[in-house]
């Protein structure tokens, strides 16, 4: 099983094609083991090649709203109308009770919501 590091986008594309051919290989088989290794190499390359900046709390809330069909009214139902507006406008920071409610109701990780973020003056 000759496997080399992924160093270029061309290498990456070739490995993706190979993964596609191996997809569904039985776990523990030689093909399954090769698939596991290739997927690990691809994930590592993609993280280095196209890093994703962590979301700030307000952006995380906006993403949760968009992905799950929540509205500003839904956020207001959780934390109050004026607070929801202030949070989304970045004029007020999230409080711990707000963080807990949003995390519990919308499954946004608390570790994202507790981060400090820039407020607008």
N, C-alpha and C. Protein backbone atom coordinates (compact mmCIF):
# COMPACT_ATOMS: atom_id res chain seq x y z
N UNK A 1 0.85 -1.17 0.00
CA UNK A 1 0.00 0.00 0.00
C UNK A 1 0.90 1.24 0.00
N UNK A 2 1.22 1.74 -1.16
CA UNK A 2 2.06 2.93 -1.26
C UNK A 2 1.17 4.17 -1.17
N UNK A 3 1.40 4.96 -0.13
CA UNK A 3 0.64 6.20 0.07
C UNK A 3 1.64 7.31 0.31
N UNK A 4 1.41 8.43 -0.38
CA UNK A 4 2.33 9.58 -0.26
C UNK A 4 1.56 10.77 0.30
N UNK A 5 2.27 11.72 0.86
CA UNK A 5 1.61 12.93 1.35
C UNK A 5 0.95 13.70 0.21
N UNK A 6 -0.06 14.47 0.55
CA UNK A 6 -0.71 15.35 -0.43
C UNK A 6 0.01 16.69 -0.34
N UNK A 7 0.61 17.11 -1.44
CA UNK A 7 1.39 18.35 -1.45
C UNK A 7 0.81 19.42 -2.38
N UNK A 8 -0.03 19.00 -3.33
CA UNK A 8 -0.57 19.95 -4.31
C UNK A 8 -2.06 19.69 -4.50
N UNK A 9 -2.71 20.65 -5.15
CA UNK A 9 -4.13 20.45 -5.46
C UNK A 9 -4.33 19.29 -6.43
N UNK A 10 -3.36 19.05 -7.29
CA UNK A 10 -3.44 17.91 -8.21
C UNK A 10 -3.40 16.59 -7.43
N UNK A 11 -2.50 16.51 -6.45
CA UNK A 11 -2.45 15.33 -5.58
C UNK A 11 -3.80 15.15 -4.87
N UNK A 12 -4.34 16.25 -4.39
CA UNK A 12 -5.61 16.24 -3.66
C UNK A 12 -6.73 15.69 -4.55
N UNK A 13 -6.81 16.18 -5.77
CA UNK A 13 -7.85 15.72 -6.70
C UNK A 13 -7.70 14.22 -6.99
N UNK A 14 -6.47 13.77 -7.17
CA UNK A 14 -6.22 12.35 -7.44
C UNK A 14 -6.67 11.49 -6.26
N UNK A 15 -6.38 11.95 -5.06
CA UNK A 15 -6.78 11.19 -3.86
C UNK A 15 -8.30 11.17 -3.72
N UNK A 16 -8.96 12.29 -4.03
CA UNK A 16 -10.42 12.32 -3.97
C UNK A 16 -11.03 11.31 -4.94
N UNK A 17 -10.46 11.20 -6.12
CA UNK A 17 -10.96 10.22 -7.10
C UNK A 17 -10.77 8.80 -6.56
N UNK A 18 -9.61 8.56 -5.94
CA UNK A 18 -9.36 7.22 -5.41
C UNK A 18 -10.32 6.90 -4.26
N UNK A 19 -10.57 7.88 -3.40
CA UNK A 19 -11.51 7.68 -2.30
C UNK A 19 -12.89 7.33 -2.86
N UNK A 20 -13.29 8.02 -3.91
CA UNK A 20 -14.58 7.75 -4.54
C UNK A 20 -14.67 6.29 -5.00
N UNK A 21 -13.58 5.79 -5.57
CA UNK A 21 -13.56 4.39 -6.04
C UNK A 21 -13.59 3.41 -4.86
N UNK A 22 -12.96 3.79 -3.75
CA UNK A 22 -12.87 2.89 -2.60
C UNK A 22 -14.08 2.98 -1.67
N UNK A 23 -14.92 4.00 -1.88
CA UNK A 23 -16.02 4.23 -0.96
C UNK A 23 -16.87 2.98 -0.80
N UNK A 24 -17.17 2.64 0.45
CA UNK A 24 -17.97 1.46 0.73
C UNK A 24 -17.16 0.20 0.93
N UNK A 25 -15.84 0.31 0.87
CA UNK A 25 -14.98 -0.86 1.08
C UNK A 25 -15.21 -1.39 2.50
N UNK A 26 -15.19 -2.70 2.68
CA UNK A 26 -15.42 -3.28 4.00
C UNK A 26 -14.37 -2.82 5.02
N UNK A 27 -14.84 -2.50 6.21
CA UNK A 27 -13.95 -2.10 7.30
C UNK A 27 -13.01 -3.27 7.62
N UNK A 28 -11.74 -2.95 7.77
CA UNK A 28 -10.76 -3.98 8.11
C UNK A 28 -10.13 -4.66 6.91
N UNK A 29 -10.71 -4.43 5.74
CA UNK A 29 -10.10 -5.00 4.52
C UNK A 29 -8.94 -4.10 4.10
N UNK A 30 -8.12 -4.59 3.19
CA UNK A 30 -7.01 -3.78 2.69
C UNK A 30 -7.53 -2.50 2.04
N UNK A 31 -8.60 -2.62 1.27
CA UNK A 31 -9.19 -1.43 0.64
C UNK A 31 -9.79 -0.49 1.68
N UNK A 32 -10.43 -1.06 2.70
CA UNK A 32 -11.00 -0.24 3.77
C UNK A 32 -9.93 0.51 4.54
N UNK A 33 -8.81 -0.17 4.81
CA UNK A 33 -7.70 0.49 5.50
C UNK A 33 -7.12 1.61 4.64
N UNK A 34 -6.99 1.36 3.35
CA UNK A 34 -6.48 2.39 2.44
C UNK A 34 -7.42 3.60 2.42
N UNK A 35 -8.71 3.33 2.40
CA UNK A 35 -9.71 4.39 2.42
C UNK A 35 -9.56 5.24 3.68
N UNK A 36 -9.42 4.61 4.83
CA UNK A 36 -9.25 5.33 6.10
C UNK A 36 -8.03 6.25 6.06
N UNK A 37 -6.93 5.73 5.57
CA UNK A 37 -5.69 6.52 5.52
C UNK A 37 -5.83 7.69 4.54
N UNK A 38 -6.41 7.43 3.38
CA UNK A 38 -6.57 8.50 2.38
C UNK A 38 -7.48 9.61 2.90
N UNK A 39 -8.56 9.23 3.56
CA UNK A 39 -9.49 10.23 4.10
C UNK A 39 -8.78 11.09 5.14
N UNK A 40 -7.96 10.48 5.98
CA UNK A 40 -7.20 11.23 6.98
C UNK A 40 -6.24 12.20 6.31
N UNK A 41 -5.54 11.75 5.29
CA UNK A 41 -4.61 12.63 4.56
C UNK A 41 -5.36 13.79 3.88
N UNK A 42 -6.50 13.49 3.30
CA UNK A 42 -7.29 14.52 2.63
C UNK A 42 -7.78 15.56 3.63
N UNK A 43 -8.30 15.11 4.76
CA UNK A 43 -8.78 16.04 5.78
C UNK A 43 -7.66 16.95 6.26
N UNK A 44 -6.49 16.38 6.48
CA UNK A 44 -5.34 17.17 6.93
C UNK A 44 -4.96 18.21 5.88
N UNK A 45 -4.89 17.80 4.62
CA UNK A 45 -4.52 18.73 3.54
C UNK A 45 -5.55 19.86 3.44
N UNK A 46 -6.83 19.52 3.50
CA UNK A 46 -7.87 20.53 3.36
C UNK A 46 -7.84 21.54 4.52
N UNK A 47 -7.55 21.07 5.72
CA UNK A 47 -7.45 21.99 6.86
C UNK A 47 -6.28 22.95 6.69
N UNK A 48 -5.18 22.46 6.14
CA UNK A 48 -4.01 23.32 5.92
C UNK A 48 -4.22 24.23 4.71
N UNK A 49 -4.81 23.70 3.66
CA UNK A 49 -4.95 24.44 2.40
C UNK A 49 -6.05 25.50 2.46
N UNK A 50 -7.16 25.13 3.08
CA UNK A 50 -8.30 26.03 3.15
C UNK A 50 -8.79 26.14 4.59
N UNK A 51 -8.01 26.79 5.46
CA UNK A 51 -8.42 26.89 6.86
C UNK A 51 -9.72 27.68 7.01
N UNK A 52 -10.49 27.30 7.98
CA UNK A 52 -11.75 27.98 8.25
C UNK A 52 -11.59 28.76 9.55
N UNK A 53 -11.79 30.06 9.46
CA UNK A 53 -11.72 30.88 10.66
C UNK A 53 -12.87 30.52 11.59
N UNK A 54 -12.60 30.48 12.89
CA UNK A 54 -13.69 30.18 13.82
C UNK A 54 -14.73 31.29 13.80
N UNK A 55 -15.97 30.91 14.00
CA UNK A 55 -17.05 31.88 14.01
C UNK A 55 -17.05 32.66 15.32
N UNK A 56 -17.41 33.94 15.24
CA UNK A 56 -17.63 34.67 16.48
C UNK A 56 -19.07 34.37 16.92
N UNK A 57 -19.43 34.68 18.15
CA UNK A 57 -20.76 34.30 18.65
C UNK A 57 -21.92 34.82 17.81
N UNK A 58 -21.88 36.07 17.39
CA UNK A 58 -23.00 36.62 16.62
C UNK A 58 -23.10 35.93 15.26
N UNK A 59 -21.98 35.72 14.61
CA UNK A 59 -21.99 35.01 13.33
C UNK A 59 -22.50 33.59 13.51
N UNK A 60 -22.13 32.94 14.60
CA UNK A 60 -22.62 31.58 14.87
C UNK A 60 -24.14 31.57 15.02
N UNK A 61 -24.68 32.57 15.69
CA UNK A 61 -26.13 32.67 15.83
C UNK A 61 -26.77 32.90 14.47
N UNK A 62 -26.20 33.78 13.67
CA UNK A 62 -26.74 34.05 12.33
C UNK A 62 -26.69 32.80 11.45
N UNK A 63 -25.62 32.04 11.54
CA UNK A 63 -25.51 30.79 10.78
C UNK A 63 -26.57 29.80 11.24
N UNK A 64 -26.76 29.67 12.55
CA UNK A 64 -27.78 28.76 13.08
C UNK A 64 -29.17 29.19 12.60
N UNK A 65 -29.41 30.50 12.57
CA UNK A 65 -30.70 30.99 12.10
C UNK A 65 -30.92 30.60 10.64
N UNK A 66 -29.91 30.84 9.83
CA UNK A 66 -30.01 30.57 8.40
C UNK A 66 -30.16 29.07 8.11
N UNK A 67 -29.32 28.26 8.74
CA UNK A 67 -29.31 26.83 8.45
C UNK A 67 -30.56 26.11 8.96
N UNK A 68 -31.14 26.62 10.05
CA UNK A 68 -32.27 25.93 10.67
C UNK A 68 -33.60 26.64 10.49
N UNK A 69 -33.59 27.71 9.69
CA UNK A 69 -34.84 28.41 9.41
C UNK A 69 -35.36 29.23 10.57
N UNK A 70 -34.49 29.58 11.51
CA UNK A 70 -34.93 30.44 12.62
C UNK A 70 -34.98 31.88 12.16
N UNK A 71 -35.82 32.66 12.80
CA UNK A 71 -35.96 34.07 12.47
C UNK A 71 -35.53 34.92 13.66
N UNK A 72 -35.48 36.24 13.43
CA UNK A 72 -35.21 37.16 14.53
C UNK A 72 -36.28 37.02 15.61
N UNK A 73 -37.48 36.76 15.18
CA UNK A 73 -38.57 36.56 16.15
C UNK A 73 -38.32 35.33 17.02
N UNK A 74 -37.76 34.29 16.42
CA UNK A 74 -37.42 33.09 17.20
C UNK A 74 -36.36 33.41 18.24
N UNK A 75 -35.35 34.19 17.84
CA UNK A 75 -34.31 34.60 18.79
C UNK A 75 -34.92 35.47 19.88
N UNK A 76 -35.81 36.36 19.49
CA UNK A 76 -36.49 37.22 20.47
C UNK A 76 -37.29 36.38 21.46
N UNK A 77 -37.88 35.31 20.98
CA UNK A 77 -38.62 34.41 21.87
C UNK A 77 -37.73 33.76 22.92
N UNK A 78 -36.47 33.59 22.57
CA UNK A 78 -35.52 32.98 23.52
C UNK A 78 -34.96 33.99 24.51
N UNK A 79 -34.58 35.17 24.02
CA UNK A 79 -33.83 36.09 24.88
C UNK A 79 -34.48 37.47 25.03
N UNK A 80 -35.62 37.70 24.39
CA UNK A 80 -36.30 38.98 24.47
C UNK A 80 -36.07 39.81 23.21
N UNK A 81 -37.09 40.57 22.83
CA UNK A 81 -37.05 41.32 21.58
C UNK A 81 -35.91 42.33 21.54
N UNK A 82 -35.82 43.20 22.55
CA UNK A 82 -34.79 44.24 22.50
C UNK A 82 -33.40 43.63 22.61
N UNK A 83 -33.26 42.58 23.41
CA UNK A 83 -31.95 41.93 23.54
C UNK A 83 -31.53 41.28 22.24
N UNK A 84 -32.45 40.64 21.55
CA UNK A 84 -32.14 39.99 20.28
C UNK A 84 -31.63 41.02 19.27
N UNK A 85 -32.31 42.15 19.19
CA UNK A 85 -31.89 43.22 18.29
C UNK A 85 -30.51 43.73 18.67
N UNK A 86 -30.28 43.96 19.94
CA UNK A 86 -28.99 44.47 20.41
C UNK A 86 -27.87 43.47 20.13
N UNK A 87 -28.14 42.20 20.34
CA UNK A 87 -27.12 41.17 20.10
C UNK A 87 -26.77 41.12 18.62
N UNK A 88 -27.78 41.04 17.76
CA UNK A 88 -27.54 40.94 16.31
C UNK A 88 -26.90 42.20 15.74
N UNK A 89 -27.16 43.35 16.37
CA UNK A 89 -26.53 44.60 15.95
C UNK A 89 -25.17 44.80 16.60
N UNK A 90 -24.77 43.85 17.44
CA UNK A 90 -23.48 43.90 18.14
C UNK A 90 -23.34 45.12 19.05
N UNK A 91 -24.46 45.56 19.60
CA UNK A 91 -24.39 46.68 20.54
C UNK A 91 -24.44 46.20 21.99
N UNK A 92 -24.68 44.92 22.21
CA UNK A 92 -24.69 44.34 23.55
C UNK A 92 -24.08 42.95 23.48
N UNK A 93 -23.34 42.60 24.50
CA UNK A 93 -22.73 41.27 24.57
C UNK A 93 -23.73 40.24 25.10
N UNK A 94 -23.54 39.02 24.70
CA UNK A 94 -24.35 37.93 25.22
C UNK A 94 -24.07 37.74 26.71
N UNK A 95 -25.09 37.42 27.46
CA UNK A 95 -24.91 37.09 28.88
C UNK A 95 -24.92 35.56 29.01
N UNK A 96 -24.48 35.07 30.14
CA UNK A 96 -24.44 33.63 30.36
C UNK A 96 -25.84 33.00 30.24
N UNK A 97 -26.89 33.59 30.83
CA UNK A 97 -28.22 33.00 30.64
C UNK A 97 -28.66 32.95 29.16
N UNK A 98 -28.32 34.00 28.39
CA UNK A 98 -28.65 33.98 26.96
C UNK A 98 -27.90 32.86 26.26
N UNK A 99 -26.62 32.73 26.57
CA UNK A 99 -25.79 31.69 25.97
C UNK A 99 -26.38 30.32 26.23
N UNK A 100 -26.78 30.09 27.47
CA UNK A 100 -27.35 28.78 27.83
C UNK A 100 -28.64 28.50 27.06
N UNK A 101 -29.50 29.52 26.96
CA UNK A 101 -30.77 29.33 26.25
C UNK A 101 -30.55 29.03 24.78
N UNK A 102 -29.69 29.80 24.14
CA UNK A 102 -29.42 29.60 22.71
C UNK A 102 -28.77 28.25 22.46
N UNK A 103 -27.79 27.92 23.28
CA UNK A 103 -27.09 26.63 23.12
C UNK A 103 -28.06 25.46 23.28
N UNK A 104 -28.92 25.53 24.27
CA UNK A 104 -29.86 24.45 24.53
C UNK A 104 -30.91 24.34 23.41
N UNK A 105 -31.46 25.48 23.00
CA UNK A 105 -32.56 25.46 22.03
C UNK A 105 -32.09 25.22 20.60
N UNK A 106 -30.94 25.80 20.23
CA UNK A 106 -30.50 25.75 18.83
C UNK A 106 -29.26 24.90 18.62
N UNK A 107 -28.75 24.30 19.67
CA UNK A 107 -27.59 23.41 19.58
C UNK A 107 -26.36 24.11 19.02
N UNK A 108 -26.18 25.37 19.40
CA UNK A 108 -24.96 26.10 19.05
C UNK A 108 -24.00 25.85 20.20
N UNK A 109 -22.80 25.35 19.94
CA UNK A 109 -21.87 25.03 21.03
C UNK A 109 -21.59 26.23 21.94
N UNK A 110 -21.71 25.99 23.22
CA UNK A 110 -21.45 27.06 24.20
C UNK A 110 -20.04 27.61 24.07
N UNK A 111 -19.08 26.75 23.71
CA UNK A 111 -17.70 27.22 23.61
C UNK A 111 -17.54 28.28 22.52
N UNK A 112 -18.43 28.30 21.54
CA UNK A 112 -18.41 29.36 20.52
C UNK A 112 -19.08 30.62 21.08
N UNK A 113 -20.20 30.44 21.75
CA UNK A 113 -20.97 31.58 22.24
C UNK A 113 -20.30 32.35 23.37
N UNK A 114 -19.42 31.70 24.13
CA UNK A 114 -18.78 32.40 25.26
C UNK A 114 -17.55 33.21 24.86
N UNK A 115 -17.15 33.12 23.61
CA UNK A 115 -15.97 33.86 23.16
C UNK A 115 -16.24 35.37 23.19
N UNK A 116 -15.19 36.12 23.44
CA UNK A 116 -15.30 37.57 23.34
C UNK A 116 -15.43 37.95 21.88
N UNK A 117 -16.13 39.04 21.62
CA UNK A 117 -16.26 39.53 20.25
C UNK A 117 -16.41 41.05 20.27
N UNK A 118 -16.17 41.63 19.12
CA UNK A 118 -16.17 43.08 18.97
C UNK A 118 -17.61 43.60 18.98
N UNK A 119 -17.84 44.64 19.78
CA UNK A 119 -19.13 45.32 19.80
C UNK A 119 -19.02 46.62 19.03
N UNK A 120 -20.13 47.03 18.41
CA UNK A 120 -20.17 48.30 17.69
C UNK A 120 -20.47 49.39 18.70
N UNK A 121 -19.85 50.52 18.52
CA UNK A 121 -20.07 51.65 19.45
C UNK A 121 -21.31 52.39 19.07
